[in-house]
Amino acid sequence: MPPEVPSLRDEIGYFLGVEGGRDYLVQVPGAANSTLSDAALADVINWMVRGFAGESLPADFVPFSANEVTKARAVRPVDIAGIRSTLMARLRGKPPVP
């Protein structure tokens, strides 16, 4: 449903290479608010990354752990759209647009 919900196919792996990108993948509302356990959510995110990253998957990909998910879920971003905008700007190598 772009532009509100961007497609992550062939791009999700890029988020793993920018500061804040791993946390973002856990903190998006559909993930952070799910009723899955942290271990199950880690499994789902790992499945998504491996299944949708395509060539964007870093060769040194480290799978998400339950502990990492627990820590990222504990932080509730106020402006997830703003975080996404900042990450997208980092991916483009440009400063975020205010």
Protein backbone atom coordinates (compact mmCIF):
# COMPACT_ATOMS: atom_id res chain seq x y z
CA MET A 1 0.00 0.00 0.00
CA PRO A 2 2.65 2.56 -0.95
CA PRO A 3 3.20 5.33 -0.06
CA GLU A 4 1.62 4.83 3.38
CA VAL A 5 3.12 1.36 3.81
CA PRO A 6 6.23 0.96 1.68
CA SER A 7 6.99 -2.34 -0.01
CA LEU A 8 9.94 -4.07 1.59
CA ARG A 9 10.43 -6.66 -1.16
CA ASP A 10 14.06 -6.62 -2.30
CA GLU A 11 14.72 -3.72 0.11
CA ILE A 12 14.20 -5.00 3.65
CA GLY A 13 17.84 -6.05 3.89
CA TYR A 14 19.01 -2.48 3.43
CA PHE A 15 17.45 -1.56 6.76
CA LEU A 16 19.92 -3.91 8.45
CA GLY A 17 22.81 -1.74 7.33
CA VAL A 18 21.72 1.61 8.74
CA GLU A 19 21.67 2.79 12.33
CA GLY A 20 18.25 2.15 13.82
CA GLY A 21 17.13 -0.12 11.00
CA ARG A 22 17.07 -3.36 12.98
CA ASP A 23 15.06 -1.77 15.78
CA TYR A 24 12.65 -0.30 13.22
CA LEU A 25 11.84 -3.73 11.81
CA VAL A 26 10.81 -4.82 15.31
CA GLN A 27 9.04 -1.58 16.25
CA VAL A 28 6.70 -1.18 13.29
CA PRO A 29 3.15 -1.42 14.68
CA GLY A 30 2.27 -4.77 13.10
CA ALA A 31 5.32 -6.33 14.72
CA ALA A 32 5.65 -4.47 18.01
CA ASN A 33 1.96 -4.79 18.85
CA SER A 34 1.58 -8.42 17.84
CA THR A 35 0.68 -11.02 20.43
CA LEU A 36 3.58 -13.21 19.36
CA SER A 37 6.22 -14.01 21.93
CA ASP A 38 9.55 -12.28 21.41
CA ALA A 39 11.08 -15.56 20.20
CA ALA A 40 8.24 -16.12 17.72
CA LEU A 41 8.46 -12.54 16.47
CA ALA A 42 12.22 -12.95 15.99
CA ASP A 43 11.48 -16.06 13.91
CA VAL A 44 8.90 -14.21 11.79
CA ILE A 45 11.22 -11.24 11.18
CA ASN A 46 14.07 -13.59 10.26
CA TRP A 47 11.75 -15.40 7.86
CA MET A 48 10.67 -12.08 6.32
CA VAL A 49 14.23 -10.84 5.95
CA ARG A 50 15.44 -14.06 4.37
CA GLY A 51 12.36 -14.38 2.17
CA PHE A 52 11.97 -10.79 0.99
CA ALA A 53 15.43 -9.21 1.06
CA GLY A 54 16.62 -10.63 -2.22
CA GLU A 55 19.95 -9.07 -3.14
CA SER A 56 19.59 -6.50 -0.34
CA LEU A 57 20.34 -9.20 2.26
CA PRO A 58 23.80 -8.50 3.70
CA ALA A 59 26.24 -11.39 3.40
CA ASP A 60 26.94 -11.02 7.12
CA PHE A 61 23.26 -11.05 8.19
CA VAL A 62 22.92 -11.88 11.87
CA PRO A 63 19.47 -13.29 12.65
CA PHE A 64 17.28 -11.48 15.16
CA SER A 65 17.25 -13.06 18.62
CA ALA A 66 14.44 -13.12 21.16
CA ASN A 67 16.59 -10.94 23.45
CA GLU A 68 17.07 -8.33 20.72
CA VAL A 69 13.33 -8.28 20.05
CA THR A 70 12.59 -7.90 23.77
CA LYS A 71 14.85 -4.83 23.97
CA ALA A 72 13.49 -3.23 20.79
CA ARG A 73 9.86 -3.83 21.79
CA ALA A 74 10.49 -2.10 25.13
CA VAL A 75 10.99 1.18 23.23
CA ARG A 76 7.74 2.63 21.91
CA PRO A 77 8.53 5.17 19.18
CA VAL A 78 6.27 8.21 19.20
CA ASP A 79 6.64 8.90 15.49
CA ILE A 80 7.21 5.69 13.54
CA ALA A 81 6.60 7.50 10.23
CA GLY A 82 9.30 10.01 11.16
CA ILE A 83 11.68 7.18 11.98
CA ARG A 84 10.92 5.53 8.64
CA SER A 85 11.58 8.87 6.88
CA THR A 86 14.92 9.24 8.68
CA LEU A 87 15.92 5.68 7.81
CA MET A 88 14.95 6.15 4.17
CA ALA A 89 17.07 9.32 4.05
CA ARG A 90 19.99 7.40 5.57
CA LEU A 91 19.52 4.74 2.93
CA ARG A 92 19.69 7.40 0.25
CA GLY A 93 22.74 8.97 1.88
CA LYS A 94 20.96 12.28 2.39
CA PRO A 95 20.07 14.18 5.55
CA PRO A 96 16.45 13.71 6.68
CA VAL A 97 13.91 16.17 5.37
CA PRO A 98 12.26 18.09 8.27
